[in-house]
């Protein structure tokens, strides 16, 4: 089973998690925002990411509790004890996912880089038709789910 994830983070030099979105191939979604230091944010993040936060109810988690919620959600959406492929289009997304899990990634979760299997035109289509903003972790994860075409890599 594929779960597409995306993160928003403070900056590229010392990325600290701000939000995490997960979108399973079956249609289930998970979204979380965590406390972050505003002074650690780049100008781009302050202008393009921060204004999109706090719009989804019940999405704010304390950092210590988030790993439990992530594992619980993954166990719920996982069918018949199947392996879960954590699909990312950017390495930092995987790094922050591992970090928020305190590097205790379940053995049934596997890294999968899908940047070459995301169709840019389908990303454009997703955002145009949904009218959702880019640079929001959940919406970007949903867009990647929509635009993923595994056959492109074969």
N, C-alpha and C. Protein backbone atom coordinates (compact mmCIF):
# COMPACT_ATOMS: atom_id res chain seq x y z
N UNK A 1 0.84 -1.18 0.00
CA UNK A 1 0.00 0.00 0.00
C UNK A 1 0.88 1.24 0.00
N UNK A 2 0.54 2.20 -0.82
CA UNK A 2 1.27 3.46 -0.88
C UNK A 2 0.60 4.51 0.00
N UNK A 3 1.42 5.22 0.76
CA UNK A 3 0.97 6.39 1.50
C UNK A 3 1.88 7.54 1.08
N UNK A 4 1.27 8.54 0.48
CA UNK A 4 2.01 9.70 0.00
C UNK A 4 2.11 10.71 1.14
N UNK A 5 3.32 11.15 1.42
CA UNK A 5 3.48 12.13 2.50
C UNK A 5 4.13 13.39 1.96
N UNK A 6 3.84 14.47 2.64
CA UNK A 6 4.49 15.75 2.36
C UNK A 6 4.65 16.47 3.68
N UNK A 7 5.68 17.26 3.76
CA UNK A 7 5.91 18.05 4.98
C UNK A 7 6.11 19.51 4.61
N UNK A 8 5.82 20.35 5.55
CA UNK A 8 6.23 21.75 5.50
C UNK A 8 7.20 21.92 6.66
N UNK A 9 8.24 22.70 6.43
CA UNK A 9 9.28 22.84 7.44
C UNK A 9 9.85 24.25 7.41
N UNK A 10 10.64 24.55 8.42
CA UNK A 10 11.08 25.93 8.67
C UNK A 10 11.96 26.52 7.58
N UNK A 11 12.99 25.80 7.18
CA UNK A 11 13.86 26.27 6.10
C UNK A 11 14.70 25.11 5.59
N UNK A 12 15.47 25.34 4.53
CA UNK A 12 16.26 24.27 3.93
C UNK A 12 17.56 23.99 4.66
N UNK A 13 18.10 24.96 5.37
CA UNK A 13 19.39 24.78 6.03
C UNK A 13 19.28 23.91 7.28
N UNK A 14 18.27 24.14 8.07
CA UNK A 14 18.04 23.37 9.29
C UNK A 14 16.55 23.08 9.39
N UNK A 15 16.05 22.15 8.58
CA UNK A 15 14.60 21.93 8.51
C UNK A 15 14.02 21.36 9.80
N UNK A 16 13.04 22.07 10.32
CA UNK A 16 12.28 21.61 11.48
C UNK A 16 10.82 21.47 11.04
N UNK A 17 10.21 20.39 11.42
CA UNK A 17 8.85 20.10 10.99
C UNK A 17 7.86 21.16 11.46
N UNK A 18 6.98 21.56 10.55
CA UNK A 18 5.84 22.43 10.86
C UNK A 18 4.55 21.64 10.71
N UNK A 19 4.44 20.90 9.59
CA UNK A 19 3.23 20.11 9.36
C UNK A 19 3.55 18.89 8.51
N UNK A 20 2.70 17.88 8.65
CA UNK A 20 2.85 16.61 7.93
C UNK A 20 1.49 16.21 7.39
N UNK A 21 1.45 15.90 6.10
CA UNK A 21 0.23 15.39 5.47
C UNK A 21 0.49 14.00 4.94
N UNK A 22 -0.49 13.11 5.10
CA UNK A 22 -0.39 11.76 4.57
C UNK A 22 -1.68 11.44 3.83
N UNK A 23 -1.54 10.83 2.66
CA UNK A 23 -2.68 10.49 1.82
C UNK A 23 -2.49 9.06 1.32
N UNK A 24 -3.35 8.14 1.79
CA UNK A 24 -3.20 6.75 1.37
C UNK A 24 -3.77 6.56 -0.03
N UNK A 25 -3.29 5.55 -0.71
CA UNK A 25 -3.79 5.27 -2.06
C UNK A 25 -5.26 4.91 -2.04
N UNK A 26 -5.80 4.51 -0.89
CA UNK A 26 -7.21 4.14 -0.77
C UNK A 26 -8.12 5.33 -0.47
N UNK A 27 -7.52 6.50 -0.22
CA UNK A 27 -8.32 7.70 -0.03
C UNK A 27 -8.34 8.28 1.37
N UNK A 28 -7.77 7.58 2.35
CA UNK A 28 -7.74 8.12 3.71
C UNK A 28 -6.64 9.17 3.83
N UNK A 29 -6.88 10.16 4.68
CA UNK A 29 -5.93 11.25 4.87
C UNK A 29 -5.65 11.47 6.35
N UNK A 30 -4.45 11.98 6.63
CA UNK A 30 -4.04 12.36 7.98
C UNK A 30 -3.28 13.67 7.85
N UNK A 31 -3.53 14.58 8.79
CA UNK A 31 -2.84 15.86 8.76
C UNK A 31 -2.51 16.28 10.19
N UNK A 32 -1.30 16.78 10.37
CA UNK A 32 -0.87 17.25 11.69
C UNK A 32 -0.01 18.49 11.56
N UNK A 33 -0.21 19.39 12.51
CA UNK A 33 0.66 20.55 12.67
C UNK A 33 1.28 20.46 14.06
N UNK A 34 2.52 20.90 14.17
CA UNK A 34 3.23 20.84 15.44
C UNK A 34 3.78 22.23 15.79
N UNK A 35 4.11 22.45 17.05
CA UNK A 35 4.72 23.72 17.42
C UNK A 35 6.06 23.91 16.68
N UNK A 36 6.36 25.13 16.33
CA UNK A 36 7.60 25.44 15.63
C UNK A 36 8.05 26.83 16.08
N UNK A 37 9.31 27.12 15.81
CA UNK A 37 9.87 28.42 16.16
C UNK A 37 9.73 29.35 14.97
N UNK A 38 9.00 30.43 15.15
CA UNK A 38 8.79 31.37 14.06
C UNK A 38 10.09 31.98 13.56
N UNK A 39 11.01 32.25 14.47
CA UNK A 39 12.28 32.88 14.04
C UNK A 39 13.15 31.92 13.22
N UNK A 40 12.85 30.61 13.25
CA UNK A 40 13.60 29.64 12.45
C UNK A 40 13.07 29.54 11.02
N UNK A 41 11.94 30.18 10.75
CA UNK A 41 11.30 30.08 9.43
C UNK A 41 11.93 31.03 8.42
N UNK A 42 12.07 30.54 7.21
CA UNK A 42 12.54 31.39 6.12
C UNK A 42 11.45 32.38 5.75
N UNK A 43 11.82 33.38 4.99
CA UNK A 43 10.83 34.37 4.53
C UNK A 43 9.75 33.69 3.70
N UNK A 44 10.15 32.75 2.84
CA UNK A 44 9.17 32.04 2.02
C UNK A 44 8.14 31.32 2.90
N UNK A 45 8.61 30.65 3.93
CA UNK A 45 7.71 29.91 4.82
C UNK A 45 6.78 30.87 5.55
N UNK A 46 7.31 31.99 6.02
CA UNK A 46 6.46 32.98 6.70
C UNK A 46 5.37 33.51 5.77
N UNK A 47 5.70 33.70 4.51
CA UNK A 47 4.75 34.29 3.56
C UNK A 47 3.85 33.26 2.90
N UNK A 48 4.37 32.06 2.61
CA UNK A 48 3.61 31.10 1.81
C UNK A 48 3.06 29.90 2.53
N UNK A 49 3.60 29.58 3.70
CA UNK A 49 3.17 28.37 4.42
C UNK A 49 2.38 28.73 5.68
N UNK A 50 2.93 29.59 6.51
CA UNK A 50 2.31 29.93 7.79
C UNK A 50 0.86 30.40 7.64
N UNK A 51 0.53 31.22 6.64
CA UNK A 51 -0.87 31.66 6.50
C UNK A 51 -1.86 30.51 6.21
N UNK A 52 -1.35 29.36 5.78
CA UNK A 52 -2.23 28.22 5.47
C UNK A 52 -2.49 27.32 6.68
N UNK A 53 -1.78 27.58 7.77
CA UNK A 53 -1.92 26.73 8.96
C UNK A 53 -3.17 27.08 9.76
N UNK A 54 -3.51 26.18 10.68
CA UNK A 54 -4.62 26.35 11.62
C UNK A 54 -5.98 26.47 10.92
N UNK A 55 -6.12 25.85 9.76
CA UNK A 55 -7.39 25.89 9.03
C UNK A 55 -8.17 24.58 9.16
N UNK A 56 -7.48 23.50 9.53
CA UNK A 56 -8.10 22.19 9.64
C UNK A 56 -8.28 21.86 11.12
N UNK A 57 -9.53 21.65 11.55
CA UNK A 57 -9.79 21.37 12.97
C UNK A 57 -9.09 20.10 13.46
N UNK A 58 -8.71 20.10 14.71
CA UNK A 58 -8.15 18.94 15.40
C UNK A 58 -6.85 18.45 14.78
N UNK A 59 -6.09 19.34 14.17
CA UNK A 59 -4.86 18.93 13.50
C UNK A 59 -3.60 19.33 14.27
N UNK A 60 -3.77 20.01 15.40
CA UNK A 60 -2.60 20.49 16.14
C UNK A 60 -2.21 19.46 17.20
N UNK A 61 -0.96 19.01 17.15
CA UNK A 61 -0.47 17.97 18.06
C UNK A 61 0.78 18.46 18.76
N UNK A 62 0.96 17.99 19.99
CA UNK A 62 2.25 18.22 20.63
C UNK A 62 3.25 17.27 19.98
N UNK A 63 4.45 17.71 19.88
CA UNK A 63 5.47 16.90 19.21
C UNK A 63 5.63 15.51 19.86
N UNK A 64 5.65 15.39 21.19
CA UNK A 64 5.84 14.07 21.79
C UNK A 64 4.70 13.08 21.50
N UNK A 65 3.49 13.57 21.25
CA UNK A 65 2.36 12.66 21.00
C UNK A 65 2.15 12.33 19.54
N UNK A 66 2.78 13.07 18.66
CA UNK A 66 2.50 12.90 17.24
C UNK A 66 2.89 11.52 16.73
N UNK A 67 4.01 11.00 17.18
CA UNK A 67 4.43 9.69 16.65
C UNK A 67 3.39 8.61 16.95
N UNK A 68 2.74 8.69 18.10
CA UNK A 68 1.70 7.71 18.44
C UNK A 68 0.51 7.82 17.50
N UNK A 69 0.12 9.05 17.17
CA UNK A 69 -1.01 9.27 16.26
C UNK A 69 -0.69 8.79 14.85
N UNK A 70 0.53 9.02 14.41
CA UNK A 70 0.94 8.57 13.07
C UNK A 70 0.90 7.06 12.98
N UNK A 71 1.49 6.38 13.94
CA UNK A 71 1.51 4.91 13.92
C UNK A 71 0.09 4.37 14.01
N UNK A 72 -0.73 4.96 14.87
CA UNK A 72 -2.11 4.50 15.00
C UNK A 72 -2.85 4.63 13.66
N UNK A 73 -2.69 5.78 12.99
CA UNK A 73 -3.36 5.99 11.70
C UNK A 73 -2.85 5.00 10.66
N UNK A 74 -1.54 4.81 10.59
CA UNK A 74 -0.98 3.86 9.62
C UNK A 74 -1.50 2.44 9.87
N UNK A 75 -1.61 2.06 11.13
CA UNK A 75 -2.12 0.72 11.44
C UNK A 75 -3.59 0.58 11.06
N UNK A 76 -4.35 1.66 11.17
CA UNK A 76 -5.77 1.62 10.80
C UNK A 76 -5.94 1.50 9.28
N UNK A 77 -5.18 2.26 8.51
CA UNK A 77 -5.38 2.26 7.05
C UNK A 77 -4.68 1.08 6.37
N UNK A 78 -3.78 0.47 7.05
CA UNK A 78 -3.05 -0.69 6.51
C UNK A 78 -4.01 -1.87 6.44
N UNK A 79 -4.11 -2.49 5.29
CA UNK A 79 -5.06 -3.59 5.11
C UNK A 79 -4.35 -4.93 5.14
N UNK A 80 -4.93 -5.86 5.88
CA UNK A 80 -4.40 -7.23 5.94
C UNK A 80 -2.91 -7.28 6.25
N UNK A 81 -2.50 -6.40 7.14
CA UNK A 81 -1.09 -6.37 7.58
C UNK A 81 -0.11 -6.19 6.43
N UNK A 82 -0.57 -5.53 5.36
CA UNK A 82 0.31 -5.31 4.21
C UNK A 82 1.41 -4.31 4.55
N UNK A 83 2.50 -4.38 3.81
CA UNK A 83 3.56 -3.40 3.97
C UNK A 83 3.07 -2.04 3.46
N UNK A 84 3.61 -1.00 4.05
CA UNK A 84 3.25 0.37 3.68
C UNK A 84 4.49 1.03 3.08
N UNK A 85 4.31 1.60 1.90
CA UNK A 85 5.38 2.33 1.24
C UNK A 85 5.14 3.82 1.44
N UNK A 86 6.05 4.46 2.15
CA UNK A 86 5.95 5.89 2.42
C UNK A 86 6.55 6.61 1.22
N UNK A 87 5.67 7.15 0.40
CA UNK A 87 6.05 7.76 -0.88
C UNK A 87 6.35 9.24 -0.70
N UNK A 88 7.55 9.62 -1.06
CA UNK A 88 7.97 11.01 -0.96
C UNK A 88 8.50 11.49 -2.30
N UNK A 89 8.37 12.78 -2.53
CA UNK A 89 8.96 13.35 -3.74
C UNK A 89 10.20 14.17 -3.41
N UNK A 90 10.56 14.17 -2.14
CA UNK A 90 11.70 14.97 -1.67
C UNK A 90 12.28 14.29 -0.44
N UNK A 91 13.59 14.12 -0.41
CA UNK A 91 14.25 13.37 0.66
C UNK A 91 13.95 13.93 2.05
N UNK A 92 13.88 15.24 2.18
CA UNK A 92 13.64 15.85 3.49
C UNK A 92 12.31 15.41 4.08
N UNK A 93 11.32 15.11 3.23
CA UNK A 93 10.04 14.60 3.75
C UNK A 93 10.26 13.30 4.51
N UNK A 94 11.03 12.39 3.95
CA UNK A 94 11.33 11.12 4.62
C UNK A 94 12.14 11.37 5.89
N UNK A 95 13.13 12.24 5.81
CA UNK A 95 13.97 12.54 6.97
C UNK A 95 13.13 13.07 8.14
N UNK A 96 12.20 13.98 7.85
CA UNK A 96 11.36 14.55 8.90
C UNK A 96 10.35 13.53 9.41
N UNK A 97 9.85 12.66 8.54
CA UNK A 97 8.96 11.57 8.95
C UNK A 97 9.69 10.67 9.95
N UNK A 98 10.91 10.28 9.62
CA UNK A 98 11.70 9.44 10.53
C UNK A 98 11.97 10.16 11.85
N UNK A 99 12.29 11.44 11.76
CA UNK A 99 12.58 12.23 12.95
C UNK A 99 11.38 12.30 13.88
N UNK A 100 10.19 12.56 13.32
CA UNK A 100 9.00 12.68 14.17
C UNK A 100 8.64 11.32 14.80
N UNK A 101 9.06 10.23 14.17
CA UNK A 101 8.86 8.91 14.76
C UNK A 101 10.01 8.52 15.68
N UNK A 102 10.88 9.46 15.97
CA UNK A 102 12.05 9.23 16.81
C UNK A 102 12.90 8.09 16.24
N UNK A 103 12.92 8.00 14.92
CA UNK A 103 13.69 7.00 14.18
C UNK A 103 13.27 5.56 14.51
N UNK A 104 12.04 5.40 14.97
CA UNK A 104 11.48 4.06 15.23
C UNK A 104 10.41 3.77 14.18
N UNK A 105 10.83 3.77 12.93
CA UNK A 105 9.93 3.48 11.82
C UNK A 105 9.57 2.00 11.88
N UNK A 106 8.27 1.67 11.85
CA UNK A 106 7.89 0.26 11.92
C UNK A 106 8.52 -0.54 10.78
N UNK A 107 8.84 -1.80 11.02
CA UNK A 107 9.49 -2.62 9.99
C UNK A 107 8.63 -2.83 8.75
N UNK A 108 7.34 -2.59 8.86
CA UNK A 108 6.44 -2.75 7.72
C UNK A 108 6.27 -1.46 6.92
N UNK A 109 7.00 -0.41 7.31
CA UNK A 109 7.01 0.86 6.56
C UNK A 109 8.32 0.96 5.78
N UNK A 110 8.21 1.30 4.51
CA UNK A 110 9.38 1.35 3.65
C UNK A 110 9.44 2.68 2.90
N UNK A 111 10.64 3.16 2.70
CA UNK A 111 10.91 4.39 1.96
C UNK A 111 10.70 4.15 0.46
N UNK A 112 10.04 5.10 -0.20
CA UNK A 112 9.85 5.01 -1.65
C UNK A 112 9.91 6.42 -2.24
N UNK A 113 10.96 6.70 -2.98
CA UNK A 113 11.10 7.99 -3.65
C UNK A 113 10.32 7.93 -4.96
N UNK A 114 9.36 8.84 -5.12
CA UNK A 114 8.46 8.79 -6.29
C UNK A 114 8.54 10.05 -7.15
N UNK A 115 9.55 10.86 -6.95
CA UNK A 115 9.62 12.13 -7.68
C UNK A 115 9.60 11.94 -9.19
N UNK A 116 10.17 10.86 -9.70
CA UNK A 116 10.17 10.61 -11.14
C UNK A 116 8.86 10.00 -11.63
N UNK A 117 7.97 9.68 -10.73
CA UNK A 117 6.69 9.05 -11.09
C UNK A 117 5.50 9.98 -10.85
N UNK A 118 5.79 11.24 -10.59
CA UNK A 118 4.75 12.25 -10.40
C UNK A 118 4.63 13.04 -11.70
N UNK A 119 3.45 13.07 -12.24
CA UNK A 119 3.20 13.77 -13.50
C UNK A 119 2.85 15.23 -13.19
N UNK A 120 3.72 16.14 -13.61
CA UNK A 120 3.54 17.56 -13.31
C UNK A 120 2.20 18.10 -13.80
N UNK A 121 1.77 17.66 -14.96
CA UNK A 121 0.49 18.12 -15.49
C UNK A 121 -0.67 17.68 -14.60
N UNK A 122 -0.54 16.51 -13.99
CA UNK A 122 -1.57 16.02 -13.08
C UNK A 122 -1.56 16.81 -11.77
N UNK A 123 -0.39 17.25 -11.33
CA UNK A 123 -0.33 18.14 -10.16
C UNK A 123 -1.07 19.43 -10.46
N UNK A 124 -0.78 20.01 -11.60
CA UNK A 124 -1.45 21.23 -12.01
C UNK A 124 -2.97 21.01 -12.05
N UNK A 125 -3.38 19.89 -12.62
CA UNK A 125 -4.80 19.54 -12.71
C UNK A 125 -5.44 19.46 -11.32
N UNK A 126 -4.74 18.83 -10.40
CA UNK A 126 -5.28 18.69 -9.04
C UNK A 126 -5.53 20.05 -8.41
N UNK A 127 -4.54 20.91 -8.43
CA UNK A 127 -4.68 22.21 -7.77
C UNK A 127 -5.67 23.12 -8.50
N UNK A 128 -5.69 23.03 -9.81
CA UNK A 128 -6.64 23.86 -10.57
C UNK A 128 -8.07 23.45 -10.28
N UNK A 129 -8.35 22.14 -10.29
CA UNK A 129 -9.72 21.67 -10.10
C UNK A 129 -10.17 21.71 -8.64
N UNK A 130 -9.27 21.46 -7.72
CA UNK A 130 -9.65 21.46 -6.30
C UNK A 130 -9.68 22.86 -5.72
N UNK A 131 -8.97 23.78 -6.34
CA UNK A 131 -8.83 25.15 -5.85
C UNK A 131 -8.17 25.22 -4.47
N UNK A 132 -7.43 24.17 -4.12
CA UNK A 132 -6.68 24.14 -2.87
C UNK A 132 -5.31 24.78 -3.09
N UNK A 133 -4.74 25.39 -2.05
CA UNK A 133 -3.44 26.04 -2.21
C UNK A 133 -2.28 25.04 -2.16
N UNK A 134 -1.23 25.36 -2.89
CA UNK A 134 0.01 24.58 -2.79
C UNK A 134 0.75 25.00 -1.52
N UNK A 135 1.75 24.22 -1.16
CA UNK A 135 2.59 24.47 0.02
C UNK A 135 1.81 24.27 1.32
N UNK A 136 0.87 23.34 1.27
CA UNK A 136 0.16 22.86 2.45
C UNK A 136 0.40 21.35 2.44
N UNK A 137 0.92 20.81 3.53
CA UNK A 137 1.37 19.42 3.54
C UNK A 137 0.29 18.43 3.13
N UNK A 138 -0.94 18.60 3.63
CA UNK A 138 -1.99 17.65 3.27
C UNK A 138 -2.36 17.76 1.79
N UNK A 139 -2.54 18.97 1.32
CA UNK A 139 -2.95 19.15 -0.07
C UNK A 139 -1.85 18.70 -1.04
N UNK A 140 -0.61 18.94 -0.67
CA UNK A 140 0.49 18.48 -1.52
C UNK A 140 0.58 16.95 -1.54
N UNK A 141 0.32 16.30 -0.40
CA UNK A 141 0.29 14.83 -0.36
C UNK A 141 -0.85 14.30 -1.22
N UNK A 142 -2.01 14.93 -1.12
CA UNK A 142 -3.16 14.52 -1.94
C UNK A 142 -2.85 14.73 -3.43
N UNK A 143 -2.20 15.81 -3.76
CA UNK A 143 -1.83 16.08 -5.15
C UNK A 143 -0.87 15.02 -5.67
N UNK A 144 0.09 14.62 -4.85
CA UNK A 144 1.01 13.57 -5.27
C UNK A 144 0.29 12.24 -5.47
N UNK A 145 -0.66 11.95 -4.61
CA UNK A 145 -1.46 10.74 -4.79
C UNK A 145 -2.19 10.80 -6.13
N UNK A 146 -2.76 11.93 -6.44
CA UNK A 146 -3.49 12.13 -7.69
C UNK A 146 -2.57 12.00 -8.91
N UNK A 147 -1.36 12.51 -8.80
CA UNK A 147 -0.45 12.61 -9.95
C UNK A 147 0.51 11.44 -10.09
N UNK A 148 0.45 10.49 -9.18
CA UNK A 148 1.38 9.35 -9.19
C UNK A 148 1.03 8.37 -10.30
N UNK A 149 2.02 8.03 -11.07
CA UNK A 149 1.85 7.04 -12.14
C UNK A 149 3.03 6.08 -12.10
N UNK A 150 2.86 4.95 -11.42
CA UNK A 150 3.96 4.00 -11.21
C UNK A 150 4.52 3.46 -12.52
N UNK A 151 3.69 3.33 -13.51
CA UNK A 151 4.15 2.73 -14.77
C UNK A 151 5.22 3.56 -15.46
N UNK A 152 5.37 4.82 -15.08
CA UNK A 152 6.36 5.67 -15.72
C UNK A 152 7.79 5.22 -15.45
N UNK A 153 8.00 4.53 -14.33
CA UNK A 153 9.36 4.14 -13.97
C UNK A 153 9.74 2.79 -14.56
N UNK A 154 8.83 2.13 -15.21
CA UNK A 154 9.10 0.78 -15.72
C UNK A 154 9.49 0.80 -17.16
